[in-house]
Amino acid sequence: MNTYPSLSFCITCKNRLHQIRQTLRKNLDDNSLHADRIEFILVDFDSSDGLREWVIENFLPELTSYYLKYYYTKELPLWHASVAKNTAHWCASKDILVNLDCDNFTGINGGDYVMKTVAQHGDQCVIHQFSGIYGDGSFGRIAVQRKYFDWIGGYDESFDPMGHQDYDLIGRLVKIGLKYISRPDNRYNIAIPNSKEEGIAHTGSSKNYFEMLRHNVRISYRNLQENKLVANNGKFGIRKNLFDHNGKEIESQNKKY
């Protein structure tokens, strides 16, 4: 009998149907052996490319069993990585929260691999599945216990829409005392390559990616120096006008707060 905890893969998507077509079915199949302890959270930020219809048409058994939970909202018309990721993490219900960008593959039994890593090192750790190759799409694969994610207020929503949010999250988690665990195993962190232009496509910002990055690095460095480790006054993500695949608003269903 396994004693390690349960896990939520937290996925965000806006007009990336062309990529999630490649990853979602594969990821669900690759983790189905442990579906009793794993869930996939997919939050759709008002995609206009048919994502909702595709999910309902192709994944009804997984939606019915709650192995896959699909939510959509119109509350984020312009993409903001921190807000989007925070929303998906808030919707999750398991012990360990794993950020899984929609262009990422978990690998076969990738969720079980993360749960066993937590069991090995204890819950006071942050697991980073970055390959070590910058720009390959794996940097954002971060796993942490929900209580610590909640403690630091999630990703910093004061940032510009893209850049450094993952690095900042890790920095604050480590500073509150969590142990950083690097797990670059390429069996579990393959991603579909994207350009920086694709990454900022729906932000509506006049800045390019590197301008956003520099701005966010400055905020992060100052906050870490001043021990301002709790972002967003502890309340993060979109928590209203979130609907499941049946069109039911979910805020009242969520018992975590």
C-alpha atoms as a PDB file:
ATOM      1  CA  MET A   1       0.000   0.000   0.000  1.00  0.00           C
ATOM      2  CA  ASN A   2       1.444   3.374  -1.055  1.00  0.00           C
ATOM      3  CA  THR A   3       1.632   6.042   1.635  1.00  0.00           C
ATOM      4  CA  TYR A   4       2.620   8.996  -0.506  1.00  0.00           C
ATOM      5  CA  PRO A   5       0.001  11.693  -1.182  1.00  0.00           C
ATOM      6  CA  SER A   6      -2.241  12.632  -4.090  1.00  0.00           C
ATOM      7  CA  LEU A   7      -1.366  14.980  -6.934  1.00  0.00           C
ATOM      8  CA  SER A   8      -2.954  17.573  -9.227  1.00  0.00           C
ATOM      9  CA  PHE A   9      -1.478  18.476 -12.605  1.00  0.00           C
ATOM     10  CA  CYS A  10      -2.478  22.125 -13.156  1.00  0.00           C
ATOM     11  CA  ILE A  11      -2.834  23.144 -16.818  1.00  0.00           C
ATOM     12  CA  THR A  12      -3.712  26.540 -18.279  1.00  0.00           C
ATOM     13  CA  CYS A  13      -4.662  27.210 -21.876  1.00  0.00           C
ATOM     14  CA  LYS A  14      -5.659  30.082 -24.125  1.00  0.00           C
ATOM     15  CA  ASN A  15      -5.865  29.355 -27.844  1.00  0.00           C
ATOM     16  CA  ARG A  16      -3.373  26.486 -27.708  1.00  0.00           C
ATOM     17  CA  LEU A  17      -5.661  23.731 -28.968  1.00  0.00           C
ATOM     18  CA  HIS A  18      -3.056  22.801 -31.570  1.00  0.00           C
ATOM     19  CA  GLN A  19      -0.669  21.873 -28.742  1.00  0.00           C
ATOM     20  CA  ILE A  20      -3.008  20.417 -26.169  1.00  0.00           C
ATOM     21  CA  ARG A  21      -4.296  18.057 -28.874  1.00  0.00           C
ATOM     22  CA  GLN A  22      -0.827  16.521 -28.741  1.00  0.00           C
ATOM     23  CA  THR A  23      -0.346  16.449 -24.966  1.00  0.00           C
ATOM     24  CA  LEU A  24      -3.633  15.922 -23.112  1.00  0.00           C
ATOM     25  CA  ARG A  25      -4.627  12.433 -24.268  1.00  0.00           C
ATOM     26  CA  LYS A  26      -1.044  11.223 -23.960  1.00  0.00           C
ATOM     27  CA  ASN A  27      -0.709  12.608 -20.429  1.00  0.00           C
ATOM     28  CA  LEU A  28      -4.007  11.126 -19.282  1.00  0.00           C
ATOM     29  CA  ASP A  29      -3.117   7.725 -20.684  1.00  0.00           C
ATOM     30  CA  ASP A  30       0.393   7.838 -19.239  1.00  0.00           C
ATOM     31  CA  ASN A  31      -0.936   8.393 -15.709  1.00  0.00           C
ATOM     32  CA  SER A  32      -4.092   6.271 -15.810  1.00  0.00           C
ATOM     33  CA  LEU A  33      -2.562   3.537 -13.651  1.00  0.00           C
ATOM     34  CA  HIS A  34      -2.689   5.996 -10.727  1.00  0.00           C
ATOM     35  CA  ALA A  35      -5.930   7.770 -11.582  1.00  0.00           C
ATOM     36  CA  ASP A  36      -7.204   7.134  -8.058  1.00  0.00           C
ATOM     37  CA  ARG A  37      -4.598   9.583  -6.701  1.00  0.00           C
ATOM     38  CA  ILE A  38      -4.085  11.923  -9.660  1.00  0.00           C
ATOM     39  CA  GLU A  39      -6.249  14.551 -11.304  1.00  0.00           C
ATOM     40  CA  PHE A  40      -5.702  16.843 -14.265  1.00  0.00           C
ATOM     41  CA  ILE A  41      -7.017  20.390 -13.932  1.00  0.00           C
ATOM     42  CA  LEU A  42      -7.451  22.230 -17.239  1.00  0.00           C
ATOM     43  CA  VAL A  43      -8.511  25.885 -17.109  1.00  0.00           C
ATOM     44  CA  ASP A  44      -9.520  27.439 -20.415  1.00  0.00           C
ATOM     45  CA  PHE A  45      -9.221  31.228 -20.495  1.00  0.00           C
ATOM     46  CA  ASP A  46     -11.888  31.913 -23.116  1.00  0.00           C
ATOM     47  CA  SER A  47     -10.145  30.190 -26.006  1.00  0.00           C
ATOM     48  CA  SER A  48     -11.656  30.917 -29.410  1.00  0.00           C
ATOM     49  CA  ASP A  49     -10.148  27.885 -31.176  1.00  0.00           C
ATOM     50  CA  GLY A  50     -12.729  25.276 -30.145  1.00  0.00           C
ATOM     51  CA  LEU A  51     -10.948  23.977 -27.043  1.00  0.00           C
ATOM     52  CA  ARG A  52     -14.086  23.530 -24.937  1.00  0.00           C
ATOM     53  CA  GLU A  53     -15.959  21.607 -27.645  1.00  0.00           C
ATOM     54  CA  TRP A  54     -12.948  19.403 -28.314  1.00  0.00           C
ATOM     55  CA  VAL A  55     -12.513  18.528 -24.646  1.00  0.00           C
ATOM     56  CA  ILE A  56     -16.188  17.655 -24.122  1.00  0.00           C
ATOM     57  CA  GLU A  57     -16.339  15.618 -27.335  1.00  0.00           C
ATOM     58  CA  ASN A  58     -13.194  13.607 -26.638  1.00  0.00           C
ATOM     59  CA  PHE A  59     -12.885  13.254 -22.860  1.00  0.00           C
ATOM     60  CA  LEU A  60     -16.357  12.709 -21.450  1.00  0.00           C
ATOM     61  CA  PRO A  61     -15.407   9.517 -19.520  1.00  0.00           C
ATOM     62  CA  GLU A  62     -12.468  11.304 -17.881  1.00  0.00           C
ATOM     63  CA  LEU A  63     -14.639  14.327 -17.090  1.00  0.00           C
ATOM     64  CA  THR A  64     -17.354  12.137 -15.612  1.00  0.00           C
ATOM     65  CA  SER A  65     -14.874  10.313 -13.377  1.00  0.00           C
ATOM     66  CA  TYR A  66     -13.155  13.611 -12.389  1.00  0.00           C
ATOM     67  CA  TYR A  67      -9.790  12.302 -13.546  1.00  0.00           C
ATOM     68  CA  LEU A  68      -9.926  15.366 -15.808  1.00  0.00           C
ATOM     69  CA  LYS A  69     -11.566  18.554 -14.554  1.00  0.00           C
ATOM     70  CA  TYR A  70     -12.187  21.227 -17.159  1.00  0.00           C
ATOM     71  CA  TYR A  71     -13.053  24.811 -16.223  1.00  0.00           C
ATOM     72  CA  TYR A  72     -13.456  27.936 -18.323  1.00  0.00           C
ATOM     73  CA  THR A  73     -13.696  31.628 -17.578  1.00  0.00           C
ATOM     74  CA  LYS A  74     -13.885  34.956 -19.374  1.00  0.00           C
ATOM     75  CA  GLU A  75     -12.377  36.824 -16.425  1.00  0.00           C
ATOM     76  CA  LEU A  76      -8.882  37.014 -17.977  1.00  0.00           C
ATOM     77  CA  PRO A  77      -9.316  38.561 -21.451  1.00  0.00           C
ATOM     78  CA  LEU A  78      -5.568  39.266 -21.695  1.00  0.00           C
ATOM     79  CA  TRP A  79      -3.123  36.512 -20.837  1.00  0.00           C
ATOM     80  CA  HIS A  80      -1.241  36.810 -17.557  1.00  0.00           C
ATOM     81  CA  ALA A  81       0.823  33.766 -16.631  1.00  0.00           C
ATOM     82  CA  SER A  82       0.746  34.279 -12.869  1.00  0.00           C
ATOM     83  CA  VAL A  83      -3.017  34.832 -12.717  1.00  0.00           C
ATOM     84  CA  ALA A  84      -3.692  31.886 -15.015  1.00  0.00           C
ATOM     85  CA  LYS A  85      -1.455  29.463 -13.121  1.00  0.00           C
ATOM     86  CA  ASN A  86      -2.818  30.608  -9.776  1.00  0.00           C
ATOM     87  CA  THR A  87      -6.361  29.970 -10.975  1.00  0.00           C
ATOM     88  CA  ALA A  88      -5.573  26.409 -12.055  1.00  0.00           C
ATOM     89  CA  HIS A  89      -3.795  25.724  -8.761  1.00  0.00           C
ATOM     90  CA  TRP A  90      -6.760  27.089  -6.797  1.00  0.00           C
ATOM     91  CA  CYS A  91      -9.126  24.771  -8.685  1.00  0.00           C
ATOM     92  CA  ALA A  92      -7.035  21.713  -7.780  1.00  0.00           C
ATOM     93  CA  SER A  93      -8.065  19.399  -4.934  1.00  0.00           C
ATOM     94  CA  LYS A  94      -5.058  17.136  -4.288  1.00  0.00           C
ATOM     95  CA  ASP A  95      -2.086  17.384  -1.908  1.00  0.00           C
ATOM     96  CA  ILE A  96       0.726  18.092  -4.373  1.00  0.00           C
ATOM     97  CA  LEU A  97       0.290  20.800  -7.000  1.00  0.00           C
ATOM     98  CA  VAL A  98       2.282  20.477 -10.220  1.00  0.00           C
ATOM     99  CA  ASN A  99       2.375  23.206 -12.823  1.00  0.00           C
ATOM    100  CA  LEU A 100       2.044  21.499 -16.205  1.00  0.00           C
ATOM    101  CA  ASP A 101       2.163  23.876 -19.153  1.00  0.00           C
ATOM    102  CA  CYS A 102      -0.190  22.785 -21.908  1.00  0.00           C
ATOM    103  CA  ASP A 103       2.766  22.009 -24.189  1.00  0.00           C
ATOM    104  CA  ASN A 104       4.376  19.629 -21.656  1.00  0.00           C
ATOM    105  CA  PHE A 105       4.351  15.850 -21.402  1.00  0.00           C
ATOM    106  CA  THR A 106       4.413  14.145 -17.994  1.00  0.00           C
ATOM    107  CA  GLY A 107       6.086  10.978 -19.224  1.00  0.00           C
ATOM    108  CA  ILE A 108       4.837   7.489 -18.409  1.00  0.00           C
ATOM    109  CA  ASN A 109       3.697   7.439 -14.759  1.00  0.00           C
ATOM    110  CA  GLY A 110       5.103  10.942 -14.360  1.00  0.00           C
ATOM    111  CA  GLY A 111       2.717  11.769 -11.550  1.00  0.00           C
ATOM    112  CA  ASP A 112       3.769   8.700  -9.606  1.00  0.00           C
ATOM    113  CA  TYR A 113       7.398   9.720 -10.106  1.00  0.00           C
ATOM    114  CA  VAL A 114       6.699  13.090  -8.472  1.00  0.00           C
ATOM    115  CA  MET A 115       4.722  11.535  -5.606  1.00  0.00           C
ATOM    116  CA  LYS A 116       7.536   9.081  -4.897  1.00  0.00           C
ATOM    117  CA  THR A 117      10.062  11.930  -4.964  1.00  0.00           C
ATOM    118  CA  VAL A 118       8.017  13.800  -2.357  1.00  0.00           C
ATOM    119  CA  ALA A 119       7.747  10.622  -0.268  1.00  0.00           C
ATOM    120  CA  GLN A 120      11.521  10.238  -0.457  1.00  0.00           C
ATOM    121  CA  HIS A 121      12.392  13.801   0.558  1.00  0.00           C
ATOM    122  CA  GLY A 122       9.442  14.753   2.753  1.00  0.00           C
ATOM    123  CA  ASP A 123       6.801  17.359   2.065  1.00  0.00           C
ATOM    124  CA  GLN A 124       9.063  20.336   2.846  1.00  0.00           C
ATOM    125  CA  CYS A 125      10.524  20.420  -0.638  1.00  0.00           C
ATOM    126  CA  VAL A 126       9.950  22.029  -4.008  1.00  0.00           C
ATOM    127  CA  ILE A 127      10.629  19.754  -6.957  1.00  0.00           C
ATOM    128  CA  HIS A 128      11.876  21.327 -10.172  1.00  0.00           C
ATOM    129  CA  GLN A 129      11.797  19.157 -13.274  1.00  0.00           C
ATOM    130  CA  PHE A 130      13.693  21.654 -15.425  1.00  0.00           C
ATOM    131  CA  SER A 131      15.980  19.889 -17.887  1.00  0.00           C
ATOM    132  CA  GLY A 132      18.772  22.448 -17.526  1.00  0.00           C
ATOM    133  CA  ILE A 133      18.308  23.595 -21.116  1.00  0.00           C
ATOM    134  CA  TYR A 134      16.873  27.097 -21.100  1.00  0.00           C
ATOM    135  CA  GLY A 135      14.115  27.699 -23.619  1.00  0.00           C
ATOM    136  CA  ASP A 136      13.081  24.056 -24.025  1.00  0.00           C
ATOM    137  CA  GLY A 137       9.762  24.623 -22.228  1.00  0.00           C
ATOM    138  CA  SER A 138      10.478  22.612 -19.072  1.00  0.00           C
ATOM    139  CA  PHE A 139      11.433  25.408 -16.657  1.00  0.00           C
ATOM    140  CA  GLY A 140       7.900  25.860 -15.327  1.00  0.00           C
ATOM    141  CA  ARG A 141       7.509  22.243 -14.171  1.00  0.00           C
ATOM    142  CA  ILE A 142       7.322  22.893 -10.445  1.00  0.00           C
ATOM    143  CA  ALA A 143       5.756  20.640  -7.804  1.00  0.00           C
ATOM    144  CA  VAL A 144       5.021  21.690  -4.244  1.00  0.00           C
ATOM    145  CA  GLN A 145       2.648  20.780  -1.443  1.00  0.00           C
ATOM    146  CA  ARG A 146      -0.548  22.838  -1.538  1.00  0.00           C
ATOM    147  CA  LYS A 147      -0.043  24.208   1.982  1.00  0.00           C
ATOM    148  CA  TYR A 148       3.209  25.876   0.991  1.00  0.00           C
ATOM    149  CA  PHE A 149       1.833  27.219  -2.282  1.00  0.00           C
ATOM    150  CA  ASP A 150      -1.055  28.742  -0.327  1.00  0.00           C
ATOM    151  CA  TRP A 151       1.322  30.027   2.352  1.00  0.00           C
ATOM    152  CA  ILE A 152       3.305  32.193  -0.077  1.00  0.00           C
ATOM    153  CA  GLY A 153       0.252  33.339  -2.039  1.00  0.00           C
ATOM    154  CA  GLY A 154       1.079  31.546  -5.281  1.00  0.00           C
ATOM    155  CA  TYR A 155       2.693  33.165  -8.296  1.00  0.00           C
ATOM    156  CA  ASP A 156       3.153  36.935  -8.061  1.00  0.00           C
ATOM    157  CA  GLU A 157       0.308  38.641  -9.928  1.00  0.00           C
ATOM    158  CA  SER A 158       1.967  42.067  -9.661  1.00  0.00           C
ATOM    159  CA  PHE A 159       4.409  40.935 -12.349  1.00  0.00           C
ATOM    160  CA  ASP A 160       4.125  41.823 -16.013  1.00  0.00           C
ATOM    161  CA  PRO A 161       2.219  39.066 -17.879  1.00  0.00           C
ATOM    162  CA  MET A 162       5.215  36.867 -18.707  1.00  0.00           C
ATOM    163  CA  GLY A 163       8.724  36.217 -17.454  1.00  0.00           C
ATOM    164  CA  HIS A 164      10.428  35.085 -14.224  1.00  0.00           C
ATOM    165  CA  GLN A 165       7.247  34.009 -12.433  1.00  0.00           C
ATOM    166  CA  ASP A 166       8.489  30.425 -12.064  1.00  0.00           C
ATOM    167  CA  TYR A 167      11.938  31.393 -10.804  1.00  0.00           C
ATOM    168  CA  ASP A 168      10.375  33.816  -8.318  1.00  0.00           C
ATOM    169  CA  LEU A 169       7.999  31.155  -6.990  1.00  0.00           C
ATOM    170  CA  ILE A 170      10.890  28.789  -6.343  1.00  0.00           C
ATOM    171  CA  GLY A 171      12.922  31.563  -4.712  1.00  0.00           C
ATOM    172  CA  ARG A 172      10.184  32.398  -2.237  1.00  0.00           C
ATOM    173  CA  LEU A 173       9.500  28.734  -1.440  1.00  0.00           C
ATOM    174  CA  VAL A 174      13.173  28.130  -0.727  1.00  0.00           C
ATOM    175  CA  LYS A 175      13.377  31.235   1.417  1.00  0.00           C
ATOM    176  CA  ILE A 176      10.563  30.031   3.689  1.00  0.00           C
ATOM    177  CA  GLY A 177      12.629  26.904   4.289  1.00  0.00           C
ATOM    178  CA  LEU A 178      11.743  24.378   1.596  1.00  0.00           C
ATOM    179  CA  LYS A 179      14.459  22.200   0.125  1.00  0.00           C
ATOM    180  CA  TYR A 180      15.078  22.614  -3.610  1.00  0.00           C
ATOM    181  CA  ILE A 181      15.094  19.252  -5.404  1.00  0.00           C
ATOM    182  CA  SER A 182      16.265  19.229  -9.026  1.00  0.00           C
ATOM    183  CA  ARG A 183      14.884  16.380 -11.141  1.00  0.00           C
ATOM    184  CA  PRO A 184      15.987  16.929 -14.766  1.00  0.00           C
ATOM    185  CA  ASP A 185      15.133  13.379 -15.893  1.00  0.00           C
ATOM    186  CA  ASN A 186      14.113  13.700 -19.545  1.00  0.00           C
ATOM    187  CA  ARG A 187      11.702  10.797 -19.285  1.00  0.00           C
ATOM    188  CA  TYR A 188       9.345  13.150 -17.459  1.00  0.00           C
ATOM    189  CA  ASN A 189       9.845  16.707 -18.757  1.00  0.00           C
ATOM    190  CA  ILE A 190       9.619  16.774 -22.554  1.00  0.00           C
ATOM    191  CA  ALA A 191       7.879  19.835 -24.022  1.00  0.00           C
ATOM    192  CA  ILE A 192       6.783  21.086 -27.422  1.00  0.00           C
ATOM    193  CA  PRO A 193       9.081  24.003 -28.342  1.00  0.00           C
ATOM    194  CA  ASN A 194       7.575  27.499 -28.395  1.00  0.00           C
ATOM    195  CA  SER A 195       8.964  30.887 -29.317  1.00  0.00           C
ATOM    196  CA  LYS A 196       8.872  33.858 -26.938  1.00  0.00           C
ATOM    197  CA  GLU A 197       6.529  35.553 -29.409  1.00  0.00           C
ATOM    198  CA  GLU A 198       4.044  32.701 -29.009  1.00  0.00           C
ATOM    199  CA  GLY A 199       4.341  32.984 -25.257  1.00  0.00           C
ATOM    200  CA  ILE A 200       3.258  36.635 -25.153  1.00  0.00           C
ATOM    201  CA  ALA A 201       0.768  36.443 -28.043  1.00  0.00           C
ATOM    202  CA  HIS A 202      -2.356  37.221 -25.987  1.00  0.00           C
ATOM    203  CA  THR A 203      -0.943  39.531 -23.308  1.00  0.00           C
ATOM    204  CA  GLY A 204      -1.919  42.774 -25.028  1.00  0.00           C
ATOM    205  CA  SER A 205       1.320  44.312 -23.755  1.00  0.00           C
ATOM    206  CA  SER A 206       3.445  46.722 -25.760  1.00  0.00           C
ATOM    207  CA  LYS A 207       6.550  45.204 -24.146  1.00  0.00           C
ATOM    208  CA  ASN A 208       8.459  42.314 -25.622  1.00  0.00           C
ATOM    209  CA  TYR A 209       9.251  39.232 -23.542  1.00  0.00           C
ATOM    210  CA  PHE A 210      12.669  40.436 -22.415  1.00  0.00           C
ATOM    211  CA  GLU A 211      11.331  43.810 -21.297  1.00  0.00           C
ATOM    212  CA  MET A 212       8.740  42.007 -19.191  1.00  0.00           C
ATOM    213  CA  LEU A 213      11.417  39.674 -17.868  1.00  0.00           C
ATOM    214  CA  ARG A 214      13.676  42.513 -16.732  1.00  0.00           C
ATOM    215  CA  HIS A 215      10.780  44.268 -15.018  1.00  0.00           C
ATOM    216  CA  ASN A 216       9.763  41.110 -13.158  1.00  0.00           C
ATOM    217  CA  VAL A 217      13.330  40.271 -12.130  1.00  0.00           C
ATOM    218  CA  ARG A 218      13.628  43.680 -10.477  1.00  0.00           C
ATOM    219  CA  ILE A 219      10.410  43.171  -8.497  1.00  0.00           C
ATOM    220  CA  SER A 220      11.402  39.655  -7.480  1.00  0.00           C
ATOM    221  CA  TYR A 221      14.904  40.625  -6.380  1.00  0.00           C
ATOM    222  CA  ARG A 222      13.622  43.513  -4.273  1.00  0.00           C
ATOM    223  CA  ASN A 223      10.946  41.380  -2.608  1.00  0.00           C
ATOM    224  CA  LEU A 224      13.388  38.597  -1.795  1.00  0.00           C
ATOM    225  CA  GLN A 225      15.895  41.079  -0.372  1.00  0.00           C
ATOM    226  CA  GLU A 226      13.192  42.597   1.816  1.00  0.00           C
ATOM    227  CA  ASN A 227      11.755  39.188   2.812  1.00  0.00           C
ATOM    228  CA  LYS A 228       8.412  39.997   1.220  1.00  0.00           C
ATOM    229  CA  LEU A 229       7.641  36.377   0.532  1.00  0.00           C
ATOM    230  CA  VAL A 230       3.832  36.344   0.453  1.00  0.00           C
ATOM    231  CA  ALA A 231       2.415  37.510  -2.879  1.00  0.00           C
ATOM    232  CA  ASN A 232      -1.058  38.852  -3.632  1.00  0.00           C
ATOM    233  CA  ASN A 233      -1.837  39.403   0.060  1.00  0.00           C
ATOM    234  CA  GLY A 234      -2.278  35.632   0.224  1.00  0.00           C
ATOM    235  CA  LYS A 235      -5.309  35.528  -2.085  1.00  0.00           C
ATOM    236  CA  PHE A 236      -4.576  34.431  -5.617  1.00  0.00           C
ATOM    237  CA  GLY A 237      -6.210  33.512  -8.899  1.00  0.00           C
ATOM    238  CA  ILE A 238      -9.649  34.052 -10.389  1.00  0.00           C
ATOM    239  CA  ARG A 239     -12.352  32.822  -8.009  1.00  0.00           C
ATOM    240  CA  LYS A 240     -15.584  33.876  -9.685  1.00  0.00           C
ATOM    241  CA  ASN A 241     -17.265  33.153 -12.994  1.00  0.00           C
ATOM    242  CA  LEU A 242     -15.401  29.861 -13.277  1.00  0.00           C
ATOM    243  CA  PHE A 243     -17.549  27.190 -14.914  1.00  0.00           C
ATOM    244  CA  ASP A 244     -17.131  23.455 -15.361  1.00  0.00           C
ATOM    245  CA  HIS A 245     -17.835  21.509 -18.562  1.00  0.00           C
ATOM    246  CA  ASN A 246     -21.534  21.410 -17.679  1.00  0.00           C
ATOM    247  CA  GLY A 247     -21.686  25.178 -17.313  1.00  0.00           C
ATOM    248  CA  LYS A 248     -21.935  25.077 -13.514  1.00  0.00           C
ATOM    249  CA  GLU A 249     -20.097  27.752 -11.553  1.00  0.00           C
ATOM    250  CA  ILE A 250     -17.538  26.146  -9.259  1.00  0.00           C
ATOM    251  CA  GLU A 251     -16.770  28.686  -6.543  1.00  0.00           C
ATOM    252  CA  SER A 252     -19.419  27.304  -4.188  1.00  0.00           C
ATOM    253  CA  GLN A 253     -18.155  23.761  -4.789  1.00  0.00           C
ATOM    254  CA  ASN A 254     -14.638  24.561  -3.641  1.00  0.00           C
ATOM    255  CA  LYS A 255     -14.175  23.820   0.075  1.00  0.00           C
ATOM    256  CA  LYS A 256     -10.564  24.907   0.517  1.00  0.00           C
ATOM    257  CA  TYR A 257     -11.373  28.482   1.597  1.00  0.00           C
END
